[in-house]
Amino acid sequence: MKIPRLLALLLIIGSVFALSGCRPVTPEFTPWMNLQEFSELLDRYEKKEDGMNYWSQGHWVTAVEGRWEARRQHPLQRRLAQNRITTASQ
């Protein structure tokens, strides 16, 4: 008796997300960077334009990845994915 209720609840929740326009977003990552390049990117984001930095304008990090490639001069590389918070009026 509980399984049909659970299934019905999951279908309702899935329908609400589908009808509201919510869908998974595939992150768009920056290119792979060594520590210096990654730090320079973050420094650019911290610079203020019109009194607001990149983060104050509604941007946010959605994912950070790292990888190790022993054959490179700088074996540890990083990249990040970011997005902008938007509202229905934007």
N, C-alpha and C. Protein backbone atom coordinates (compact mmCIF):
# COMPACT_ATOMS: atom_id res chain seq x y z
N MET A 1 0.81 -1.19 0.00
CA MET A 1 0.00 0.00 0.00
C MET A 1 0.87 1.26 0.00
N LYS A 2 2.02 1.22 0.67
CA LYS A 2 2.87 2.40 0.75
C LYS A 2 3.62 2.65 -0.56
N ILE A 3 3.95 1.61 -1.30
CA ILE A 3 4.70 1.77 -2.55
C ILE A 3 3.90 2.57 -3.58
N PRO A 4 2.61 2.30 -3.81
CA PRO A 4 1.87 3.13 -4.78
C PRO A 4 1.81 4.60 -4.37
N ARG A 5 1.70 4.87 -3.09
CA ARG A 5 1.69 6.27 -2.63
C ARG A 5 3.03 6.93 -2.90
N LEU A 6 4.11 6.21 -2.64
CA LEU A 6 5.44 6.75 -2.90
C LEU A 6 5.64 7.00 -4.39
N LEU A 7 5.22 6.07 -5.20
CA LEU A 7 5.32 6.24 -6.65
C LEU A 7 4.50 7.44 -7.12
N ALA A 8 3.30 7.58 -6.60
CA ALA A 8 2.46 8.73 -6.96
C ALA A 8 3.12 10.04 -6.54
N LEU A 9 3.70 10.06 -5.35
CA LEU A 9 4.38 11.26 -4.88
C LEU A 9 5.56 11.61 -5.77
N LEU A 10 6.35 10.63 -6.15
CA LEU A 10 7.49 10.87 -7.03
C LEU A 10 7.04 11.39 -8.39
N LEU A 11 5.95 10.85 -8.91
CA LEU A 11 5.42 11.33 -10.19
C LEU A 11 4.95 12.78 -10.09
N ILE A 12 4.32 13.13 -9.00
CA ILE A 12 3.85 14.51 -8.80
C ILE A 12 5.04 15.46 -8.71
N ILE A 13 6.03 15.09 -7.92
CA ILE A 13 7.22 15.94 -7.78
C ILE A 13 7.92 16.10 -9.13
N GLY A 14 8.07 15.02 -9.87
CA GLY A 14 8.69 15.10 -11.19
C GLY A 14 7.91 15.97 -12.14
N SER A 15 6.59 15.89 -12.07
CA SER A 15 5.74 16.72 -12.94
C SER A 15 5.88 18.19 -12.59
N VAL A 16 5.95 18.50 -11.31
CA VAL A 16 6.10 19.91 -10.90
C VAL A 16 7.40 20.47 -11.46
N PHE A 17 8.50 19.73 -11.34
CA PHE A 17 9.77 20.21 -11.88
C PHE A 17 9.71 20.34 -13.39
N ALA A 18 9.10 19.41 -14.06
CA ALA A 18 9.02 19.45 -15.53
C ALA A 18 8.18 20.64 -15.99
N LEU A 19 7.08 20.88 -15.31
CA LEU A 19 6.20 21.97 -15.71
C LEU A 19 6.73 23.34 -15.32
N SER A 20 7.55 23.40 -14.29
CA SER A 20 8.09 24.69 -13.85
C SER A 20 9.32 25.11 -14.64
N GLY A 21 9.79 24.26 -15.51
CA GLY A 21 10.95 24.62 -16.33
C GLY A 21 12.27 24.26 -15.69
N CYS A 22 12.27 23.61 -14.54
CA CYS A 22 13.52 23.20 -13.89
C CYS A 22 14.08 22.01 -14.66
N ARG A 23 15.32 22.12 -15.02
CA ARG A 23 15.97 21.00 -15.69
C ARG A 23 17.43 21.00 -15.31
N PRO A 24 18.06 19.86 -15.32
CA PRO A 24 19.48 19.80 -14.96
C PRO A 24 20.31 20.64 -15.92
N VAL A 25 21.27 21.33 -15.38
CA VAL A 25 22.15 22.15 -16.20
C VAL A 25 23.51 21.47 -16.27
N THR A 26 23.99 21.27 -17.47
CA THR A 26 25.33 20.72 -17.65
C THR A 26 26.32 21.85 -17.44
N PRO A 27 27.22 21.71 -16.49
CA PRO A 27 28.15 22.81 -16.23
C PRO A 27 29.11 23.05 -17.39
N GLU A 28 29.39 24.31 -17.62
CA GLU A 28 30.39 24.69 -18.61
C GLU A 28 31.65 25.07 -17.84
N PHE A 29 32.68 24.28 -18.02
CA PHE A 29 33.91 24.47 -17.27
C PHE A 29 34.87 25.41 -17.99
N THR A 30 35.71 26.07 -17.20
CA THR A 30 36.82 26.82 -17.76
C THR A 30 37.84 25.81 -18.29
N PRO A 31 38.80 26.27 -19.06
CA PRO A 31 39.87 25.35 -19.47
C PRO A 31 40.67 24.92 -18.23
N TRP A 32 41.41 23.82 -18.35
CA TRP A 32 42.27 23.37 -17.27
C TRP A 32 43.38 24.39 -17.06
N MET A 33 43.70 24.69 -15.79
CA MET A 33 44.70 25.72 -15.46
C MET A 33 45.63 25.23 -14.36
N ASN A 34 46.87 25.71 -14.39
CA ASN A 34 47.76 25.46 -13.27
C ASN A 34 47.41 26.46 -12.17
N LEU A 35 48.10 26.38 -11.04
CA LEU A 35 47.77 27.22 -9.89
C LEU A 35 47.87 28.70 -10.21
N GLN A 36 48.92 29.11 -10.92
CA GLN A 36 49.09 30.52 -11.24
C GLN A 36 47.94 31.04 -12.11
N GLU A 37 47.60 30.29 -13.14
CA GLU A 37 46.49 30.70 -14.02
C GLU A 37 45.16 30.74 -13.26
N PHE A 38 44.94 29.76 -12.40
CA PHE A 38 43.71 29.70 -11.62
C PHE A 38 43.63 30.89 -10.66
N SER A 39 44.74 31.22 -10.02
CA SER A 39 44.77 32.36 -9.10
C SER A 39 44.52 33.67 -9.85
N GLU A 40 45.09 33.81 -11.05
CA GLU A 40 44.87 35.01 -11.85
C GLU A 40 43.40 35.15 -12.24
N LEU A 41 42.75 34.03 -12.56
CA LEU A 41 41.32 34.06 -12.89
C LEU A 41 40.51 34.54 -11.69
N LEU A 42 40.78 33.99 -10.52
CA LEU A 42 40.05 34.40 -9.32
C LEU A 42 40.32 35.86 -8.97
N ASP A 43 41.55 36.33 -9.19
CA ASP A 43 41.87 37.73 -8.94
C ASP A 43 41.05 38.65 -9.85
N ARG A 44 40.88 38.25 -11.11
CA ARG A 44 40.06 39.05 -12.04
C ARG A 44 38.62 39.13 -11.55
N TYR A 45 38.12 38.02 -11.00
CA TYR A 45 36.75 38.00 -10.50
C TYR A 45 36.57 38.91 -9.28
N GLU A 46 37.64 39.09 -8.51
CA GLU A 46 37.55 39.90 -7.29
C GLU A 46 37.61 41.40 -7.58
N LYS A 47 38.10 41.80 -8.74
CA LYS A 47 38.19 43.23 -9.07
C LYS A 47 36.78 43.81 -9.20
N LYS A 48 36.61 45.00 -8.63
CA LYS A 48 35.29 45.61 -8.62
C LYS A 48 35.09 46.53 -9.82
N GLU A 49 33.91 46.44 -10.41
CA GLU A 49 33.48 47.35 -11.46
C GLU A 49 32.16 47.94 -10.99
N ASP A 50 32.08 49.26 -10.97
CA ASP A 50 30.87 49.93 -10.50
C ASP A 50 30.52 49.52 -9.07
N GLY A 51 31.55 49.29 -8.25
CA GLY A 51 31.35 48.95 -6.85
C GLY A 51 30.98 47.50 -6.58
N MET A 52 30.94 46.67 -7.63
CA MET A 52 30.56 45.27 -7.43
C MET A 52 31.58 44.37 -8.10
N ASN A 53 31.96 43.28 -7.41
CA ASN A 53 32.83 42.30 -8.05
C ASN A 53 31.98 41.26 -8.77
N TYR A 54 32.63 40.32 -9.38
CA TYR A 54 31.96 39.28 -10.17
C TYR A 54 30.92 38.53 -9.35
N TRP A 55 31.25 38.22 -8.10
CA TRP A 55 30.35 37.45 -7.24
C TRP A 55 29.16 38.29 -6.81
N SER A 56 29.36 39.57 -6.57
CA SER A 56 28.27 40.46 -6.16
C SER A 56 27.25 40.65 -7.27
N GLN A 57 27.64 40.38 -8.50
CA GLN A 57 26.75 40.55 -9.65
C GLN A 57 25.87 39.31 -9.86
N GLY A 58 25.94 38.34 -8.97
CA GLY A 58 25.06 37.18 -9.04
C GLY A 58 25.69 35.93 -9.60
N HIS A 59 27.00 35.93 -9.84
CA HIS A 59 27.66 34.74 -10.35
C HIS A 59 28.03 33.83 -9.17
N TRP A 60 28.06 32.54 -9.43
CA TRP A 60 28.41 31.58 -8.38
C TRP A 60 29.07 30.36 -8.98
N VAL A 61 29.90 29.70 -8.20
CA VAL A 61 30.62 28.51 -8.64
C VAL A 61 29.71 27.30 -8.43
N THR A 62 29.56 26.50 -9.47
CA THR A 62 28.71 25.31 -9.36
C THR A 62 29.53 24.03 -9.22
N ALA A 63 30.80 24.06 -9.62
CA ALA A 63 31.63 22.86 -9.51
C ALA A 63 33.10 23.26 -9.63
N VAL A 64 33.94 22.49 -8.99
CA VAL A 64 35.39 22.65 -9.10
C VAL A 64 35.96 21.26 -9.32
N GLU A 65 36.87 21.14 -10.26
CA GLU A 65 37.51 19.85 -10.53
C GLU A 65 39.02 20.01 -10.51
N GLY A 66 39.69 18.93 -10.21
CA GLY A 66 41.14 18.91 -10.26
C GLY A 66 41.60 17.62 -10.92
N ARG A 67 42.78 17.67 -11.49
CA ARG A 67 43.34 16.45 -12.07
C ARG A 67 44.86 16.49 -11.93
N TRP A 68 45.45 15.33 -11.96
CA TRP A 68 46.89 15.17 -11.81
C TRP A 68 47.42 14.51 -13.07
N GLU A 69 48.36 15.19 -13.72
CA GLU A 69 49.03 14.62 -14.88
C GLU A 69 50.52 14.70 -14.63
N ALA A 70 51.12 13.57 -14.32
CA ALA A 70 52.52 13.51 -13.90
C ALA A 70 53.48 14.00 -14.96
N ARG A 71 53.12 13.93 -16.22
CA ARG A 71 54.05 14.30 -17.29
C ARG A 71 54.13 15.80 -17.53
N ARG A 72 53.30 16.58 -16.88
CA ARG A 72 53.31 18.04 -17.08
C ARG A 72 54.27 18.73 -16.12
N GLN A 73 54.67 19.96 -16.50
CA GLN A 73 55.54 20.74 -15.62
C GLN A 73 54.79 21.09 -14.33
N HIS A 74 53.52 21.44 -14.45
CA HIS A 74 52.65 21.70 -13.29
C HIS A 74 51.60 20.60 -13.28
N PRO A 75 51.86 19.50 -12.58
CA PRO A 75 51.00 18.32 -12.71
C PRO A 75 49.58 18.49 -12.17
N LEU A 76 49.37 19.33 -11.16
CA LEU A 76 48.03 19.51 -10.60
C LEU A 76 47.34 20.65 -11.34
N GLN A 77 46.21 20.34 -11.96
CA GLN A 77 45.45 21.35 -12.69
C GLN A 77 44.05 21.45 -12.11
N ARG A 78 43.45 22.61 -12.30
CA ARG A 78 42.10 22.85 -11.77
C ARG A 78 41.26 23.53 -12.83
N ARG A 79 39.94 23.43 -12.65
CA ARG A 79 39.01 24.18 -13.46
C ARG A 79 37.73 24.35 -12.66
N LEU A 80 36.92 25.32 -13.04
CA LEU A 80 35.67 25.52 -12.33
C LEU A 80 34.54 25.78 -13.30
N ALA A 81 33.35 25.50 -12.83
CA ALA A 81 32.14 25.79 -13.58
C ALA A 81 31.40 26.87 -12.81
N GLN A 82 30.81 27.77 -13.52
CA GLN A 82 30.10 28.87 -12.86
C GLN A 82 28.78 29.14 -13.56
N ASN A 83 27.93 29.83 -12.86
CA ASN A 83 26.62 30.15 -13.41
C ASN A 83 26.21 31.49 -12.81
N ARG A 84 25.13 32.04 -13.33
CA ARG A 84 24.63 33.29 -12.80
C ARG A 84 23.23 33.06 -12.27
N ILE A 85 22.97 33.61 -11.10
CA ILE A 85 21.65 33.51 -10.51
C ILE A 85 20.74 34.45 -11.28
N THR A 86 19.65 33.92 -11.78
CA THR A 86 18.70 34.76 -12.51
C THR A 86 17.32 34.62 -11.88
N THR A 87 16.53 35.63 -12.08
CA THR A 87 15.15 35.59 -11.61
C THR A 87 14.24 35.59 -12.82
N ALA A 88 12.97 35.40 -12.58
CA ALA A 88 12.01 35.36 -13.69
C ALA A 88 11.97 36.67 -14.46
N SER A 89 12.30 37.79 -13.81
CA SER A 89 12.24 39.09 -14.47
C SER A 89 13.48 39.37 -15.31
N GLN A 90 14.53 38.58 -15.19
CA GLN A 90 15.76 38.85 -15.93
C GLN A 90 15.73 38.17 -17.27
